[in-house]
All heavy atoms as atom14 arrays in JSON, in Angstrom:
{
  "sequence": "GYEYVSAEAGDGWDVDDDVIAALAERGKAGAVHVLVVDEHDVPDAAA",
  "atom14_mask": [
    [1, 1, 1, 1, 0, 0, 0, 0, 0, 0, 0, 0, 0, 0],
    [1, 1, 1, 1, 1, 1, 1, 1, 1, 1, 1, 1, 0, 0],
    [1, 1, 1, 1, 1, 1, 1, 1, 1, 0, 0, 0, 0, 0],
    [1, 1, 1, 1, 1, 1, 1, 1, 1, 1, 1, 1, 0, 0],
    [1, 1, 1, 1, 1, 1, 1, 0, 0, 0, 0, 0, 0, 0],
    [1, 1, 1, 1, 1, 1, 0, 0, 0, 0, 0, 0, 0, 0],
    [1, 1, 1, 1, 1, 0, 0, 0, 0, 0, 0, 0, 0, 0],
    [1, 1, 1, 1, 1, 1, 1, 1, 1, 0, 0, 0, 0, 0],
    [1, 1, 1, 1, 1, 0, 0, 0, 0, 0, 0, 0, 0, 0],
    [1, 1, 1, 1, 0, 0, 0, 0, 0, 0, 0, 0, 0, 0],
    [1, 1, 1, 1, 1, 1, 1, 1, 0, 0, 0, 0, 0, 0],
    [1, 1, 1, 1, 0, 0, 0, 0, 0, 0, 0, 0, 0, 0],
    [1, 1, 1, 1, 1, 1, 1, 1, 1, 1, 1, 1, 1, 1],
    [1, 1, 1, 1, 1, 1, 1, 1, 0, 0, 0, 0, 0, 0],
    [1, 1, 1, 1, 1, 1, 1, 0, 0, 0, 0, 0, 0, 0],
    [1, 1, 1, 1, 1, 1, 1, 1, 0, 0, 0, 0, 0, 0],
    [1, 1, 1, 1, 1, 1, 1, 1, 0, 0, 0, 0, 0, 0],
    [1, 1, 1, 1, 1, 1, 1, 1, 0, 0, 0, 0, 0, 0],
    [1, 1, 1, 1, 1, 1, 1, 0, 0, 0, 0, 0, 0, 0],
    [1, 1, 1, 1, 1, 1, 1, 1, 0, 0, 0, 0, 0, 0],
    [1, 1, 1, 1, 1, 0, 0, 0, 0, 0, 0, 0, 0, 0],
    [1, 1, 1, 1, 1, 0, 0, 0, 0, 0, 0, 0, 0, 0],
    [1, 1, 1, 1, 1, 1, 1, 1, 0, 0, 0, 0, 0, 0],
    [1, 1, 1, 1, 1, 0, 0, 0, 0, 0, 0, 0, 0, 0],
    [1, 1, 1, 1, 1, 1, 1, 1, 1, 0, 0, 0, 0, 0],
    [1, 1, 1, 1, 1, 1, 1, 1, 1, 1, 1, 0, 0, 0],
    [1, 1, 1, 1, 0, 0, 0, 0, 0, 0, 0, 0, 0, 0],
    [1, 1, 1, 1, 1, 1, 1, 1, 1, 0, 0, 0, 0, 0],
    [1, 1, 1, 1, 1, 0, 0, 0, 0, 0, 0, 0, 0, 0],
    [1, 1, 1, 1, 0, 0, 0, 0, 0, 0, 0, 0, 0, 0],
    [1, 1, 1, 1, 1, 0, 0, 0, 0, 0, 0, 0, 0, 0],
    [1, 1, 1, 1, 1, 1, 1, 0, 0, 0, 0, 0, 0, 0],
    [1, 1, 1, 1, 1, 1, 1, 1, 1, 1, 0, 0, 0, 0],
    [1, 1, 1, 1, 1, 1, 1, 0, 0, 0, 0, 0, 0, 0],
    [1, 1, 1, 1, 1, 1, 1, 1, 0, 0, 0, 0, 0, 0],
    [1, 1, 1, 1, 1, 1, 1, 0, 0, 0, 0, 0, 0, 0],
    [1, 1, 1, 1, 1, 1, 1, 0, 0, 0, 0, 0, 0, 0],
    [1, 1, 1, 1, 1, 1, 1, 1, 0, 0, 0, 0, 0, 0],
    [1, 1, 1, 1, 1, 1, 1, 1, 1, 0, 0, 0, 0, 0],
    [1, 1, 1, 1, 1, 1, 1, 1, 1, 1, 0, 0, 0, 0],
    [1, 1, 1, 1, 1, 1, 1, 1, 0, 0, 0, 0, 0, 0],
    [1, 1, 1, 1, 1, 1, 1, 0, 0, 0, 0, 0, 0, 0],
    [1, 1, 1, 1, 1, 1, 1, 0, 0, 0, 0, 0, 0, 0],
    [1, 1, 1, 1, 1, 1, 1, 1, 0, 0, 0, 0, 0, 0],
    [1, 1, 1, 1, 1, 0, 0, 0, 0, 0, 0, 0, 0, 0],
    [1, 1, 1, 1, 1, 0, 0, 0, 0, 0, 0, 0, 0, 0],
    [1, 1, 1, 1, 1, 0, 0, 0, 0, 0, 0, 0, 0, 0]
  ],
  "atom14_positions": [
    [[-0.8, 8.26, -6.16], [-1.5, 8.27, -4.9], [-0.83, 7.52, -3.89], [0.34, 7.06, -4.0], [0.0, 0.0, 0.0], [0.0, 0.0, 0.0], [0.0, 0.0, 0.0], [0.0, 0.0, 0.0], [0.0, 0.0, 0.0], [0.0, 0.0, 0.0], [0.0, 0.0, 0.0], [0.0, 0.0, 0.0], [0.0, 0.0, 0.0], [0.0, 0.0, 0.0]],
    [[-1.5, 7.33, -2.72], [-1.04, 6.53, -1.62], [-2.0, 5.76, -0.86], [-3.22, 6.21, -0.85], [-0.17, 7.54, -0.67], [-1.03, 8.61, -0.24], [-1.86, 8.52, 0.92], [-0.96, 9.88, -0.7], [-2.71, 9.56, 1.34], [-1.66, 10.98, -0.3], [-2.52, 10.8, 0.69], [-3.26, 11.83, 1.23], [0.0, 0.0, 0.0], [0.0, 0.0, 0.0]],
    [[-1.57, 4.84, -0.19], [-2.51, 4.01, 0.64], [-1.68, 3.62, 1.92], [-0.67, 3.01, 1.83], [-3.03, 2.74, -0.06], [-3.86, 1.75, 0.77], [-5.13, 2.4, 1.28], [-5.67, 3.35, 0.6], [-5.68, 1.91, 2.32], [0.0, 0.0, 0.0], [0.0, 0.0, 0.0], [0.0, 0.0, 0.0], [0.0, 0.0, 0.0], [0.0, 0.0, 0.0]],
    [[-2.25, 4.0, 3.05], [-1.59, 3.55, 4.4], [-2.53, 2.42, 4.82], [-3.68, 2.52, 5.19], [-1.67, 4.79, 5.27], [-1.0, 4.52, 6.62], [0.39, 4.49, 6.72], [-1.76, 4.29, 7.72], [1.01, 4.23, 7.85], [-1.09, 4.03, 8.96], [0.28, 4.01, 9.03], [0.92, 3.76, 10.23], [0.0, 0.0, 0.0], [0.0, 0.0, 0.0]],
    [[-1.84, 1.28, 5.0], [-2.56, 0.06, 5.34], [-2.37, -0.19, 6.81], [-1.29, -0.28, 7.4], [-1.96, -1.16, 4.66], [-2.68, -2.43, 5.18], [-1.99, -1.04, 3.12], [0.0, 0.0, 0.0], [0.0, 0.0, 0.0], [0.0, 0.0, 0.0], [0.0, 0.0, 0.0], [0.0, 0.0, 0.0], [0.0, 0.0, 0.0], [0.0, 0.0, 0.0]],
    [[-3.58, -0.1, 7.55], [-3.54, -0.26, 9.04], [-4.71, -1.09, 9.49], [-5.74, -1.12, 8.88], [-3.6, 1.16, 9.7], [-4.89, 1.71, 9.53], [0.0, 0.0, 0.0], [0.0, 0.0, 0.0], [0.0, 0.0, 0.0], [0.0, 0.0, 0.0], [0.0, 0.0, 0.0], [0.0, 0.0, 0.0], [0.0, 0.0, 0.0], [0.0, 0.0, 0.0]],
    [[-4.45, -1.75, 10.54], [-5.52, -2.47, 11.21], [-6.69, -1.61, 11.67], [-7.87, -1.94, 11.55], [-4.97, -3.29, 12.46], [0.0, 0.0, 0.0], [0.0, 0.0, 0.0], [0.0, 0.0, 0.0], [0.0, 0.0, 0.0], [0.0, 0.0, 0.0], [0.0, 0.0, 0.0], [0.0, 0.0, 0.0], [0.0, 0.0, 0.0], [0.0, 0.0, 0.0]],
    [[-6.31, -0.41, 12.12], [-7.33, 0.62, 12.55], [-8.35, 0.86, 11.53], [-9.63, 0.94, 11.79], [-6.58, 1.9, 12.98], [-7.42, 3.03, 13.31], [-6.73, 4.34, 13.53], [-5.49, 4.35, 13.41], [-7.41, 5.31, 13.77], [0.0, 0.0, 0.0], [0.0, 0.0, 0.0], [0.0, 0.0, 0.0], [0.0, 0.0, 0.0], [0.0, 0.0, 0.0]],
    [[-7.92, 0.99, 10.28], [-8.8, 1.36, 9.13], [-9.37, 0.01, 8.54], [-10.25, 0.12, 7.65], [-8.1, 2.16, 8.17], [0.0, 0.0, 0.0], [0.0, 0.0, 0.0], [0.0, 0.0, 0.0], [0.0, 0.0, 0.0], [0.0, 0.0, 0.0], [0.0, 0.0, 0.0], [0.0, 0.0, 0.0], [0.0, 0.0, 0.0], [0.0, 0.0, 0.0]],
    [[-8.94, -1.13, 9.0], [-9.44, -2.39, 8.39], [-9.03, -2.59, 6.98], [-9.8, -3.24, 6.24], [0.0, 0.0, 0.0], [0.0, 0.0, 0.0], [0.0, 0.0, 0.0], [0.0, 0.0, 0.0], [0.0, 0.0, 0.0], [0.0, 0.0, 0.0], [0.0, 0.0, 0.0], [0.0, 0.0, 0.0], [0.0, 0.0, 0.0], [0.0, 0.0, 0.0]],
    [[-7.84, -2.05, 6.64], [-7.48, -2.13, 5.16], [-7.14, -3.55, 4.73], [-7.17, -3.74, 3.49], [-6.23, -1.18, 4.95], [-6.64, 0.29, 5.2], [-7.67, 0.62, 4.64], [-5.78, 1.04, 5.71], [0.0, 0.0, 0.0], [0.0, 0.0, 0.0], [0.0, 0.0, 0.0], [0.0, 0.0, 0.0], [0.0, 0.0, 0.0], [0.0, 0.0, 0.0]],
    [[-6.77, -4.38, 5.54], [-6.36, -5.7, 5.27], [-7.3, -6.57, 4.37], [-7.01, -7.4, 3.6], [0.0, 0.0, 0.0], [0.0, 0.0, 0.0], [0.0, 0.0, 0.0], [0.0, 0.0, 0.0], [0.0, 0.0, 0.0], [0.0, 0.0, 0.0], [0.0, 0.0, 0.0], [0.0, 0.0, 0.0], [0.0, 0.0, 0.0], [0.0, 0.0, 0.0]],
    [[-8.58, -6.24, 4.47], [-9.55, -7.14, 3.73], [-9.62, -6.7, 2.27], [-9.99, -7.45, 1.4], [-10.94, -7.05, 4.3], [-11.58, -5.75, 4.28], [-11.49, -4.62, 5.11], [-12.51, -5.17, 3.2], [-12.22, -3.58, 4.6], [-12.84, -3.86, 3.49], [-12.92, -5.78, 2.08], [-13.65, -3.23, 2.68], [-13.77, -5.06, 1.24], [-14.14, -3.75, 1.53]],
    [[-9.37, -5.39, 1.92], [-9.48, -4.99, 0.51], [-8.05, -4.52, -0.12], [-7.98, -4.57, -1.28], [-10.5, -3.84, 0.34], [-10.07, -2.51, 1.12], [-9.21, -2.63, 1.92], [-10.71, -1.5, 0.7], [0.0, 0.0, 0.0], [0.0, 0.0, 0.0], [0.0, 0.0, 0.0], [0.0, 0.0, 0.0], [0.0, 0.0, 0.0], [0.0, 0.0, 0.0]],
    [[-7.09, -4.35, 0.75], [-5.78, -3.99, 0.16], [-4.94, -5.17, 0.66], [-4.2, -5.03, 1.65], [-5.29, -2.58, 0.67], [-3.9, -2.33, 0.0], [-6.27, -1.58, 0.31], [0.0, 0.0, 0.0], [0.0, 0.0, 0.0], [0.0, 0.0, 0.0], [0.0, 0.0, 0.0], [0.0, 0.0, 0.0], [0.0, 0.0, 0.0], [0.0, 0.0, 0.0]],
    [[-5.06, -6.28, 0.05], [-4.3, -7.49, 0.37], [-3.09, -7.65, -0.53], [-2.77, -6.68, -1.35], [-5.2, -8.64, 0.35], [-5.76, -9.0, -1.05], [-5.31, -8.39, -2.07], [-6.65, -9.8, -1.21], [0.0, 0.0, 0.0], [0.0, 0.0, 0.0], [0.0, 0.0, 0.0], [0.0, 0.0, 0.0], [0.0, 0.0, 0.0], [0.0, 0.0, 0.0]],
    [[-2.33, -8.72, -0.36], [-1.12, -8.91, -1.16], [-1.34, -8.89, -2.66], [-0.5, -8.43, -3.42], [-0.42, -10.22, -0.74], [0.15, -10.21, 0.64], [0.4, -9.14, 1.18], [0.36, -11.23, 1.18], [0.0, 0.0, 0.0], [0.0, 0.0, 0.0], [0.0, 0.0, 0.0], [0.0, 0.0, 0.0], [0.0, 0.0, 0.0], [0.0, 0.0, 0.0]],
    [[-2.58, -9.42, -3.12], [-2.89, -9.38, -4.55], [-3.01, -8.01, -5.07], [-2.58, -7.62, -6.16], [-4.08, -10.22, -4.84], [-3.92, -11.72, -4.59], [-2.73, -12.22, -4.6], [-4.78, -12.41, -4.41], [0.0, 0.0, 0.0], [0.0, 0.0, 0.0], [0.0, 0.0, 0.0], [0.0, 0.0, 0.0], [0.0, 0.0, 0.0], [0.0, 0.0, 0.0]],
    [[-3.69, -7.17, -4.3], [-3.88, -5.78, -4.72], [-2.55, -4.99, -4.64], [-2.24, -4.25, -5.7], [-4.94, -5.03, -3.76], [-4.94, -3.54, -3.98], [-6.26, -5.66, -3.98], [0.0, 0.0, 0.0], [0.0, 0.0, 0.0], [0.0, 0.0, 0.0], [0.0, 0.0, 0.0], [0.0, 0.0, 0.0], [0.0, 0.0, 0.0], [0.0, 0.0, 0.0]],
    [[-1.8, -5.2, -3.68], [-0.5, -4.55, -3.63], [0.43, -4.96, -4.82], [1.0, -4.16, -5.45], [0.24, -4.82, -2.26], [-0.61, -4.19, -1.21], [1.64, -4.39, -2.26], [-0.18, -4.65, 0.2], [0.0, 0.0, 0.0], [0.0, 0.0, 0.0], [0.0, 0.0, 0.0], [0.0, 0.0, 0.0], [0.0, 0.0, 0.0], [0.0, 0.0, 0.0]],
    [[0.4, -6.3, -5.11], [1.12, -6.79, -6.32], [0.69, -6.15, -7.65], [1.45, -5.76, -8.41], [1.11, -8.28, -6.38], [0.0, 0.0, 0.0], [0.0, 0.0, 0.0], [0.0, 0.0, 0.0], [0.0, 0.0, 0.0], [0.0, 0.0, 0.0], [0.0, 0.0, 0.0], [0.0, 0.0, 0.0], [0.0, 0.0, 0.0], [0.0, 0.0, 0.0]],
    [[-0.61, -6.08, -7.77], [-1.23, -5.54, -8.94], [-0.87, -4.08, -9.17], [-0.55, -3.6, -10.17], [-2.79, -5.68, -8.96], [0.0, 0.0, 0.0], [0.0, 0.0, 0.0], [0.0, 0.0, 0.0], [0.0, 0.0, 0.0], [0.0, 0.0, 0.0], [0.0, 0.0, 0.0], [0.0, 0.0, 0.0], [0.0, 0.0, 0.0], [0.0, 0.0, 0.0]],
    [[-0.92, -3.29, -8.07], [-0.59, -1.94, -8.06], [0.85, -1.79, -8.37], [1.29, -0.86, -9.17], [-0.9, -1.23, -6.74], [-2.35, -1.03, -6.45], [-2.55, -0.59, -4.95], [-3.06, -0.08, -7.43], [0.0, 0.0, 0.0], [0.0, 0.0, 0.0], [0.0, 0.0, 0.0], [0.0, 0.0, 0.0], [0.0, 0.0, 0.0], [0.0, 0.0, 0.0]],
    [[1.76, -2.6, -7.92], [3.15, -2.57, -8.22], [3.46, -2.85, -9.69], [4.21, -2.12, -10.33], [3.93, -3.59, -7.29], [0.0, 0.0, 0.0], [0.0, 0.0, 0.0], [0.0, 0.0, 0.0], [0.0, 0.0, 0.0], [0.0, 0.0, 0.0], [0.0, 0.0, 0.0], [0.0, 0.0, 0.0], [0.0, 0.0, 0.0], [0.0, 0.0, 0.0]],
    [[2.71, -3.76, -10.19], [2.89, -4.08, -11.65], [2.39, -2.95, -12.6], [3.04, -2.59, -13.5], [2.09, -5.33, -12.03], [2.8, -6.65, -11.56], [4.28, -6.78, -12.17], [4.29, -6.52, -13.4], [5.09, -7.1, -11.43], [0.0, 0.0, 0.0], [0.0, 0.0, 0.0], [0.0, 0.0, 0.0], [0.0, 0.0, 0.0], [0.0, 0.0, 0.0]],
    [[1.34, -2.31, -12.14], [0.82, -1.2, -12.89], [1.76, 0.06, -12.73], [1.92, 0.91, -13.65], [-0.61, -0.81, -12.4], [-1.6, -1.93, -12.81], [-2.92, -1.72, -12.24], [-3.69, -2.99, -12.51], [-4.99, -3.08, -12.14], [-5.63, -2.14, -11.58], [-5.62, -4.24, -12.45], [0.0, 0.0, 0.0], [0.0, 0.0, 0.0], [0.0, 0.0, 0.0]],
    [[2.4, 0.12, -11.61], [3.46, 1.21, -11.41], [4.61, 0.98, -12.35], [5.03, 1.95, -13.03], [0.0, 0.0, 0.0], [0.0, 0.0, 0.0], [0.0, 0.0, 0.0], [0.0, 0.0, 0.0], [0.0, 0.0, 0.0], [0.0, 0.0, 0.0], [0.0, 0.0, 0.0], [0.0, 0.0, 0.0], [0.0, 0.0, 0.0], [0.0, 0.0, 0.0]],
    [[5.05, -0.28, -12.45], [6.12, -0.55, -13.34], [5.79, -0.27, -14.85], [6.64, 0.2, -15.64], [6.6, -2.01, -13.28], [7.24, -2.29, -11.97], [7.59, -3.77, -11.91], [8.03, -4.14, -10.51], [8.18, -5.64, -10.4], [0.0, 0.0, 0.0], [0.0, 0.0, 0.0], [0.0, 0.0, 0.0], [0.0, 0.0, 0.0], [0.0, 0.0, 0.0]],
    [[4.59, -0.45, -15.17], [4.04, -0.16, -16.62], [3.79, 1.22, -16.79], [3.52, 1.72, -17.93], [2.79, -1.04, -16.83], [0.0, 0.0, 0.0], [0.0, 0.0, 0.0], [0.0, 0.0, 0.0], [0.0, 0.0, 0.0], [0.0, 0.0, 0.0], [0.0, 0.0, 0.0], [0.0, 0.0, 0.0], [0.0, 0.0, 0.0], [0.0, 0.0, 0.0]],
    [[3.78, 2.13, -15.7], [3.51, 3.43, -15.81], [1.99, 3.86, -15.84], [1.69, 4.99, -16.15], [0.0, 0.0, 0.0], [0.0, 0.0, 0.0], [0.0, 0.0, 0.0], [0.0, 0.0, 0.0], [0.0, 0.0, 0.0], [0.0, 0.0, 0.0], [0.0, 0.0, 0.0], [0.0, 0.0, 0.0], [0.0, 0.0, 0.0], [0.0, 0.0, 0.0]],
    [[1.16, 2.87, -15.56], [-0.31, 3.15, -15.58], [-0.88, 3.92, -14.4], [-1.72, 4.82, -14.59], [-1.02, 1.79, -15.68], [0.0, 0.0, 0.0], [0.0, 0.0, 0.0], [0.0, 0.0, 0.0], [0.0, 0.0, 0.0], [0.0, 0.0, 0.0], [0.0, 0.0, 0.0], [0.0, 0.0, 0.0], [0.0, 0.0, 0.0], [0.0, 0.0, 0.0]],
    [[-0.28, 3.56, -13.23], [-0.72, 4.33, -12.03], [0.45, 4.12, -11.02], [1.07, 3.07, -11.07], [-2.02, 3.85, -11.47], [-1.97, 2.33, -11.07], [-2.55, 4.67, -10.39], [0.0, 0.0, 0.0], [0.0, 0.0, 0.0], [0.0, 0.0, 0.0], [0.0, 0.0, 0.0], [0.0, 0.0, 0.0], [0.0, 0.0, 0.0], [0.0, 0.0, 0.0]],
    [[0.64, 5.08, -10.16], [1.8, 4.99, -9.2], [1.19, 5.23, -7.78], [0.73, 6.24, -7.54], [2.85, 6.09, -9.53], [3.37, 6.03, -10.93], [4.34, 5.11, -11.3], [2.96, 6.67, -12.0], [4.58, 5.29, -12.59], [3.78, 6.21, -13.02], [0.0, 0.0, 0.0], [0.0, 0.0, 0.0], [0.0, 0.0, 0.0], [0.0, 0.0, 0.0]],
    [[1.19, 4.2, -7.07], [0.58, 4.17, -5.66], [1.58, 3.73, -4.62], [2.09, 2.57, -4.72], [-0.65, 3.35, -5.57], [-1.24, 3.43, -4.17], [-1.71, 3.77, -6.63], [0.0, 0.0, 0.0], [0.0, 0.0, 0.0], [0.0, 0.0, 0.0], [0.0, 0.0, 0.0], [0.0, 0.0, 0.0], [0.0, 0.0, 0.0], [0.0, 0.0, 0.0]],
    [[2.04, 4.64, -3.78], [2.81, 4.17, -2.56], [1.85, 3.43, -1.61], [0.92, 4.06, -1.11], [3.37, 5.51, -1.94], [4.1, 5.23, -0.64], [5.31, 4.25, -0.77], [4.57, 6.58, -0.03], [0.0, 0.0, 0.0], [0.0, 0.0, 0.0], [0.0, 0.0, 0.0], [0.0, 0.0, 0.0], [0.0, 0.0, 0.0], [0.0, 0.0, 0.0]],
    [[2.14, 2.22, -1.43], [1.42, 1.45, -0.37], [2.43, 1.29, 0.78], [3.46, 0.75, 0.68], [1.02, 0.08, -0.88], [0.26, -0.67, 0.15], [0.12, 0.28, -2.1], [0.0, 0.0, 0.0], [0.0, 0.0, 0.0], [0.0, 0.0, 0.0], [0.0, 0.0, 0.0], [0.0, 0.0, 0.0], [0.0, 0.0, 0.0], [0.0, 0.0, 0.0]],
    [[1.93, 1.74, 1.97], [2.75, 1.69, 3.19], [1.98, 0.93, 4.25], [0.91, 1.24, 4.61], [3.11, 3.13, 3.71], [3.87, 3.03, 4.89], [3.68, 3.91, 2.59], [0.0, 0.0, 0.0], [0.0, 0.0, 0.0], [0.0, 0.0, 0.0], [0.0, 0.0, 0.0], [0.0, 0.0, 0.0], [0.0, 0.0, 0.0], [0.0, 0.0, 0.0]],
    [[2.62, -0.04, 4.76], [2.04, -0.83, 5.89], [2.44, -0.25, 7.21], [3.64, 0.08, 7.42], [2.45, -2.33, 5.8], [1.74, -3.2, 6.77], [2.0, -3.15, 7.97], [0.99, -4.02, 6.35], [0.0, 0.0, 0.0], [0.0, 0.0, 0.0], [0.0, 0.0, 0.0], [0.0, 0.0, 0.0], [0.0, 0.0, 0.0], [0.0, 0.0, 0.0]],
    [[1.51, -0.07, 8.13], [1.77, 0.45, 9.39], [2.96, -0.13, 10.1], [3.67, 0.51, 10.87], [0.59, 0.48, 10.3], [0.11, -0.86, 10.77], [-1.13, -0.84, 11.59], [-1.44, 0.13, 12.23], [-1.87, -1.83, 11.53], [0.0, 0.0, 0.0], [0.0, 0.0, 0.0], [0.0, 0.0, 0.0], [0.0, 0.0, 0.0], [0.0, 0.0, 0.0]],
    [[3.16, -1.45, 9.88], [4.31, -2.22, 10.54], [5.67, -1.79, 10.05], [6.64, -2.04, 10.67], [4.0, -3.74, 10.46], [2.71, -4.08, 11.05], [2.39, -3.97, 12.32], [1.61, -4.71, 10.48], [1.22, -4.52, 12.59], [0.65, -4.82, 11.45], [0.0, 0.0, 0.0], [0.0, 0.0, 0.0], [0.0, 0.0, 0.0], [0.0, 0.0, 0.0]],
    [[5.68, -1.23, 8.84], [6.93, -0.83, 8.23], [7.37, 0.57, 8.5], [8.48, 0.89, 8.22], [6.87, -1.04, 6.68], [6.74, -2.49, 6.3], [7.01, -3.42, 7.03], [5.92, -2.72, 5.14], [0.0, 0.0, 0.0], [0.0, 0.0, 0.0], [0.0, 0.0, 0.0], [0.0, 0.0, 0.0], [0.0, 0.0, 0.0], [0.0, 0.0, 0.0]],
    [[6.47, 1.4, 9.05], [6.84, 2.79, 9.44], [6.36, 3.07, 10.85], [5.23, 3.5, 10.97], [6.16, 3.69, 8.44], [6.88, 3.66, 7.1], [4.7, 3.52, 8.26], [0.0, 0.0, 0.0], [0.0, 0.0, 0.0], [0.0, 0.0, 0.0], [0.0, 0.0, 0.0], [0.0, 0.0, 0.0], [0.0, 0.0, 0.0], [0.0, 0.0, 0.0]],
    [[7.18, 2.8, 11.78], [6.78, 2.96, 13.2], [6.59, 4.35, 13.64], [6.02, 4.73, 14.72], [7.94, 2.26, 14.0], [9.04, 2.36, 13.14], [8.59, 2.25, 11.67], [0.0, 0.0, 0.0], [0.0, 0.0, 0.0], [0.0, 0.0, 0.0], [0.0, 0.0, 0.0], [0.0, 0.0, 0.0], [0.0, 0.0, 0.0], [0.0, 0.0, 0.0]],
    [[7.14, 5.37, 12.9], [7.08, 6.76, 13.22], [7.14, 7.63, 12.0], [7.23, 7.2, 10.9], [8.26, 7.03, 14.21], [9.53, 6.74, 13.71], [9.89, 6.81, 12.49], [10.48, 6.43, 14.46], [0.0, 0.0, 0.0], [0.0, 0.0, 0.0], [0.0, 0.0, 0.0], [0.0, 0.0, 0.0], [0.0, 0.0, 0.0], [0.0, 0.0, 0.0]],
    [[7.03, 8.91, 12.3], [6.94, 9.89, 11.22], [8.21, 9.93, 10.4], [8.18, 10.12, 9.13], [6.75, 11.36, 11.8], [0.0, 0.0, 0.0], [0.0, 0.0, 0.0], [0.0, 0.0, 0.0], [0.0, 0.0, 0.0], [0.0, 0.0, 0.0], [0.0, 0.0, 0.0], [0.0, 0.0, 0.0], [0.0, 0.0, 0.0], [0.0, 0.0, 0.0]],
    [[9.37, 9.71, 11.04], [10.62, 9.79, 10.23], [10.66, 8.56, 9.25], [11.11, 8.73, 8.12], [11.82, 9.74, 11.2], [0.0, 0.0, 0.0], [0.0, 0.0, 0.0], [0.0, 0.0, 0.0], [0.0, 0.0, 0.0], [0.0, 0.0, 0.0], [0.0, 0.0, 0.0], [0.0, 0.0, 0.0], [0.0, 0.0, 0.0], [0.0, 0.0, 0.0]],
    [[10.24, 7.39, 9.74], [10.25, 6.27, 8.78], [9.25, 6.5, 7.62], [9.52, 6.13, 6.52], [9.87, 5.04, 9.65], [0.0, 0.0, 0.0], [0.0, 0.0, 0.0], [0.0, 0.0, 0.0], [0.0, 0.0, 0.0], [0.0, 0.0, 0.0], [0.0, 0.0, 0.0], [0.0, 0.0, 0.0], [0.0, 0.0, 0.0], [0.0, 0.0, 0.0]]
  ]
}
């Protein structure tokens, strides 16, 4: 799956650094694979 973290959606309160780290660890273990993208890291469609 995927999660786009944006201020507009108010994601910062539930998709914080701890959640992102937990998802990354679970991805390494092969349990679940979630692309987490912060709006600040992708300024446009190409990014």
